Amino acid sequence: MPFDLLLTADGDLPAGPARAATGLALISQRIRRRLRTVQGEWFLDPSEGLPYLEWISTRPPPTTSIATLTREAVLGVPGVVRVEDWAAVHDVESATVRISGLVITDTDDELTLRIEGVEQTTPVNTAPWAIFLELL
């Protein structure tokens, strides 16, 4: 039976003894991992991940595509039943794209998901997106 090790909020192994992630912590961790995968970075399947590099090089950012693809990625996580109130907004003044929604899980718990992407004017090595998951 496969299991995931519980990781820190940064995605690293904890300093102490390793534990298995379960329940809402497991679902939350899997959402973060899926949303942090840049398309093309996984050599076994280059189509996996989100096209962050394409998004940050497009002016204005394709908010409809961003909203659709991130929603699909979240819905593809085992344990996610549905996503509600999904919205993406491009704030021109602060040069950010904000995505938010409510994630309903099979454990009858809800997560508030907030993703914020900062537009980049120069190429970077990492996806400039911050992912926030909050328990309600």
C-alpha atoms as a PDB file:
ATOM      1  CA  MET A   1       0.000   0.000   0.000  1.00  0.00           C
ATOM      2  CA  PRO A   2       1.598   3.304  -1.086  1.00  0.00           C
ATOM      3  CA  PHE A   3       2.006   6.134   1.390  1.00  0.00           C
ATOM      4  CA  ASP A   4       3.526   9.589   1.524  1.00  0.00           C
ATOM      5  CA  LEU A   5       5.924  10.839   4.143  1.00  0.00           C
ATOM      6  CA  LEU A   6       4.716  13.939   5.954  1.00  0.00           C
ATOM      7  CA  LEU A   7       6.714  16.915   4.685  1.00  0.00           C
ATOM      8  CA  THR A   8       7.235  20.400   6.060  1.00  0.00           C
ATOM      9  CA  ALA A   9       5.384  23.374   4.522  1.00  0.00           C
ATOM     10  CA  ASP A  10       8.503  23.927   2.361  1.00  0.00           C
ATOM     11  CA  GLY A  11       8.270  20.402   0.958  1.00  0.00           C
ATOM     12  CA  ASP A  12      11.303  19.090   2.853  1.00  0.00           C
ATOM     13  CA  LEU A  13      11.617  16.110   5.155  1.00  0.00           C
ATOM     14  CA  PRO A  14      11.221  17.063   8.811  1.00  0.00           C
ATOM     15  CA  ALA A  15      14.290  17.216  11.064  1.00  0.00           C
ATOM     16  CA  GLY A  16      12.882  14.594  13.429  1.00  0.00           C
ATOM     17  CA  PRO A  17      11.605  11.095  12.744  1.00  0.00           C
ATOM     18  CA  ALA A  18       9.640  10.527   9.555  1.00  0.00           C
ATOM     19  CA  ARG A  19       5.884   9.925   9.754  1.00  0.00           C
ATOM     20  CA  ALA A  20       3.293   8.967   7.187  1.00  0.00           C
ATOM     21  CA  ALA A  21       0.929  11.701   5.991  1.00  0.00           C
ATOM     22  CA  THR A  22      -2.736  10.844   6.441  1.00  0.00           C
ATOM     23  CA  GLY A  23      -6.160  12.445   6.064  1.00  0.00           C
ATOM     24  CA  LEU A  24      -6.339  16.132   5.331  1.00  0.00           C
ATOM     25  CA  ALA A  25      -2.566  16.580   5.714  1.00  0.00           C
ATOM     26  CA  LEU A  26      -2.022  14.018   2.932  1.00  0.00           C
ATOM     27  CA  ILE A  27      -4.526  15.675   0.577  1.00  0.00           C
ATOM     28  CA  SER A  28      -3.100  19.120   1.291  1.00  0.00           C
ATOM     29  CA  GLN A  29       0.457  17.903   0.692  1.00  0.00           C
ATOM     30  CA  ARG A  30      -0.496  16.274  -2.601  1.00  0.00           C
ATOM     31  CA  ILE A  31      -2.222  19.462  -3.808  1.00  0.00           C
ATOM     32  CA  ARG A  32       0.880  21.500  -2.993  1.00  0.00           C
ATOM     33  CA  ARG A  33       3.148  19.018  -4.743  1.00  0.00           C
ATOM     34  CA  ARG A  34       0.967  18.925  -7.846  1.00  0.00           C
ATOM     35  CA  LEU A  35       0.752  22.713  -8.061  1.00  0.00           C
ATOM     36  CA  ARG A  36       4.501  23.113  -7.527  1.00  0.00           C
ATOM     37  CA  THR A  37       5.397  20.868 -10.459  1.00  0.00           C
ATOM     38  CA  VAL A  38       6.539  22.837 -13.487  1.00  0.00           C
ATOM     39  CA  GLN A  39       5.617  21.291 -16.825  1.00  0.00           C
ATOM     40  CA  GLY A  40       8.598  19.473 -18.309  1.00  0.00           C
ATOM     41  CA  GLU A  41      10.567  19.070 -15.069  1.00  0.00           C
ATOM     42  CA  TRP A  42       9.665  15.403 -14.473  1.00  0.00           C
ATOM     43  CA  PHE A  43      11.728  13.349 -16.916  1.00  0.00           C
ATOM     44  CA  LEU A  44       9.391  10.328 -16.825  1.00  0.00           C
ATOM     45  CA  ASP A  45       6.454  12.404 -18.103  1.00  0.00           C
ATOM     46  CA  PRO A  46       7.327  15.879 -19.424  1.00  0.00           C
ATOM     47  CA  SER A  47       3.625  16.665 -19.904  1.00  0.00           C
ATOM     48  CA  GLU A  48       3.067  16.546 -16.112  1.00  0.00           C
ATOM     49  CA  GLY A  49       2.894  19.845 -14.278  1.00  0.00           C
ATOM     50  CA  LEU A  50       1.639  23.322 -14.993  1.00  0.00           C
ATOM     51  CA  PRO A  51       3.067  25.577 -17.739  1.00  0.00           C
ATOM     52  CA  TYR A  52       4.345  28.287 -15.372  1.00  0.00           C
ATOM     53  CA  LEU A  53       7.136  29.351 -17.727  1.00  0.00           C
ATOM     54  CA  GLU A  54       4.616  29.913 -20.518  1.00  0.00           C
ATOM     55  CA  TRP A  55       2.318  31.837 -18.175  1.00  0.00           C
ATOM     56  CA  ILE A  56       4.989  34.223 -16.957  1.00  0.00           C
ATOM     57  CA  SER A  57       6.154  34.978 -20.484  1.00  0.00           C
ATOM     58  CA  THR A  58       2.666  35.853 -21.793  1.00  0.00           C
ATOM     59  CA  ARG A  59       1.431  39.444 -21.525  1.00  0.00           C
ATOM     60  CA  PRO A  60      -1.190  39.856 -20.215  1.00  0.00           C
ATOM     61  CA  PRO A  61      -1.254  36.563 -18.320  1.00  0.00           C
ATOM     62  CA  PRO A  62      -3.817  34.064 -19.637  1.00  0.00           C
ATOM     63  CA  THR A  63      -6.026  34.113 -16.517  1.00  0.00           C
ATOM     64  CA  THR A  64      -8.707  31.865 -18.031  1.00  0.00           C
ATOM     65  CA  SER A  65      -6.140  29.191 -18.910  1.00  0.00           C
ATOM     66  CA  ILE A  66      -4.447  29.569 -15.525  1.00  0.00           C
ATOM     67  CA  ALA A  67      -7.764  29.142 -13.691  1.00  0.00           C
ATOM     68  CA  THR A  68      -8.813  26.141 -15.780  1.00  0.00           C
ATOM     69  CA  LEU A  69      -5.516  24.245 -15.595  1.00  0.00           C
ATOM     70  CA  THR A  70      -4.963  24.820 -11.871  1.00  0.00           C
ATOM     71  CA  ARG A  71      -8.546  23.737 -11.128  1.00  0.00           C
ATOM     72  CA  GLU A  72      -8.058  20.559 -13.173  1.00  0.00           C
ATOM     73  CA  ALA A  73      -4.776  19.867 -11.357  1.00  0.00           C
ATOM     74  CA  VAL A  74      -6.455  20.201  -7.961  1.00  0.00           C
ATOM     75  CA  LEU A  75      -9.412  18.034  -9.020  1.00  0.00           C
ATOM     76  CA  GLY A  76      -6.949  15.334 -10.125  1.00  0.00           C
ATOM     77  CA  VAL A  77      -5.598  14.890  -6.590  1.00  0.00           C
ATOM     78  CA  PRO A  78      -6.909  11.736  -4.882  1.00  0.00           C
ATOM     79  CA  GLY A  79      -9.234  12.745  -2.062  1.00  0.00           C
ATOM     80  CA  VAL A  80     -10.504  15.930  -3.697  1.00  0.00           C
ATOM     81  CA  VAL A  81     -14.231  15.649  -4.374  1.00  0.00           C
ATOM     82  CA  ARG A  82     -14.965  19.064  -5.846  1.00  0.00           C
ATOM     83  CA  VAL A  83     -13.761  22.641  -6.092  1.00  0.00           C
ATOM     84  CA  GLU A  84     -16.101  25.582  -5.539  1.00  0.00           C
ATOM     85  CA  ASP A  85     -15.937  29.359  -6.037  1.00  0.00           C
ATOM     86  CA  TRP A  86     -12.884  29.051  -8.289  1.00  0.00           C
ATOM     87  CA  ALA A  87     -11.701  32.399  -9.618  1.00  0.00           C
ATOM     88  CA  ALA A  88      -8.584  33.897 -11.172  1.00  0.00           C
ATOM     89  CA  VAL A  89      -7.967  37.640 -11.251  1.00  0.00           C
ATOM     90  CA  HIS A  90      -5.141  39.583 -12.866  1.00  0.00           C
ATOM     91  CA  ASP A  91      -4.279  42.643 -10.807  1.00  0.00           C
ATOM     92  CA  VAL A  92      -2.448  44.925 -13.238  1.00  0.00           C
ATOM     93  CA  GLU A  93      -1.375  47.413 -10.555  1.00  0.00           C
ATOM     94  CA  SER A  94       0.511  44.860  -8.444  1.00  0.00           C
ATOM     95  CA  ALA A  95       1.420  42.652 -11.444  1.00  0.00           C
ATOM     96  CA  THR A  96       0.015  39.529  -9.812  1.00  0.00           C
ATOM     97  CA  VAL A  97      -2.429  36.789 -10.686  1.00  0.00           C
ATOM     98  CA  ARG A  98      -4.521  35.593  -7.763  1.00  0.00           C
ATOM     99  CA  ILE A  99      -6.433  32.333  -7.803  1.00  0.00           C
ATOM    100  CA  SER A 100      -8.723  31.264  -5.018  1.00  0.00           C
ATOM    101  CA  GLY A 101     -11.276  28.596  -4.297  1.00  0.00           C
ATOM    102  CA  LEU A 102     -12.686  26.156  -1.829  1.00  0.00           C
ATOM    103  CA  VAL A 103     -11.513  22.529  -2.044  1.00  0.00           C
ATOM    104  CA  ILE A 104     -13.933  19.905  -0.718  1.00  0.00           C
ATOM    105  CA  THR A 105     -12.305  16.601   0.274  1.00  0.00           C
ATOM    106  CA  ASP A 106     -13.592  13.081   0.803  1.00  0.00           C
ATOM    107  CA  THR A 107     -12.898  13.468   4.527  1.00  0.00           C
ATOM    108  CA  ASP A 108     -15.733  16.046   4.711  1.00  0.00           C
ATOM    109  CA  ASP A 109     -13.159  18.744   5.372  1.00  0.00           C
ATOM    110  CA  GLU A 110     -12.645  21.924   3.401  1.00  0.00           C
ATOM    111  CA  LEU A 111      -9.462  23.719   2.414  1.00  0.00           C
ATOM    112  CA  THR A 112      -9.258  27.324   1.313  1.00  0.00           C
ATOM    113  CA  LEU A 113      -6.795  27.450  -1.556  1.00  0.00           C
ATOM    114  CA  ARG A 114      -5.065  30.687  -2.471  1.00  0.00           C
ATOM    115  CA  ILE A 115      -2.429  30.816  -5.194  1.00  0.00           C
ATOM    116  CA  GLU A 116      -0.571  33.980  -6.023  1.00  0.00           C
ATOM    117  CA  GLY A 117       1.673  34.426  -9.021  1.00  0.00           C
ATOM    118  CA  VAL A 118       3.956  37.379  -9.537  1.00  0.00           C
ATOM    119  CA  GLU A 119       4.702  38.382 -13.100  1.00  0.00           C
ATOM    120  CA  GLN A 120       8.398  38.239 -13.941  1.00  0.00           C
ATOM    121  CA  THR A 121      10.154  40.514 -16.396  1.00  0.00           C
ATOM    122  CA  THR A 122      13.237  38.298 -16.555  1.00  0.00           C
ATOM    123  CA  PRO A 123      13.486  34.500 -16.799  1.00  0.00           C
ATOM    124  CA  VAL A 124      13.889  32.681 -13.505  1.00  0.00           C
ATOM    125  CA  ASN A 125      14.808  29.121 -12.577  1.00  0.00           C
ATOM    126  CA  THR A 126      11.829  28.514 -10.303  1.00  0.00           C
ATOM    127  CA  ALA A 127       8.133  29.112 -10.722  1.00  0.00           C
ATOM    128  CA  PRO A 128       7.318  32.448  -9.083  1.00  0.00           C
ATOM    129  CA  TRP A 129       4.109  31.240  -7.500  1.00  0.00           C
ATOM    130  CA  ALA A 130       3.168  30.954  -3.855  1.00  0.00           C
ATOM    131  CA  ILE A 131       0.584  28.369  -2.813  1.00  0.00           C
ATOM    132  CA  PHE A 132      -1.436  28.809   0.359  1.00  0.00           C
ATOM    133  CA  LEU A 133      -3.701  26.110   1.760  1.00  0.00           C
ATOM    134  CA  GLU A 134      -5.664  26.910   4.873  1.00  0.00           C
ATOM    135  CA  LEU A 135      -7.867  24.679   6.951  1.00  0.00           C
ATOM    136  CA  LEU A 136     -11.329  26.019   7.669  1.00  0.00           C
END
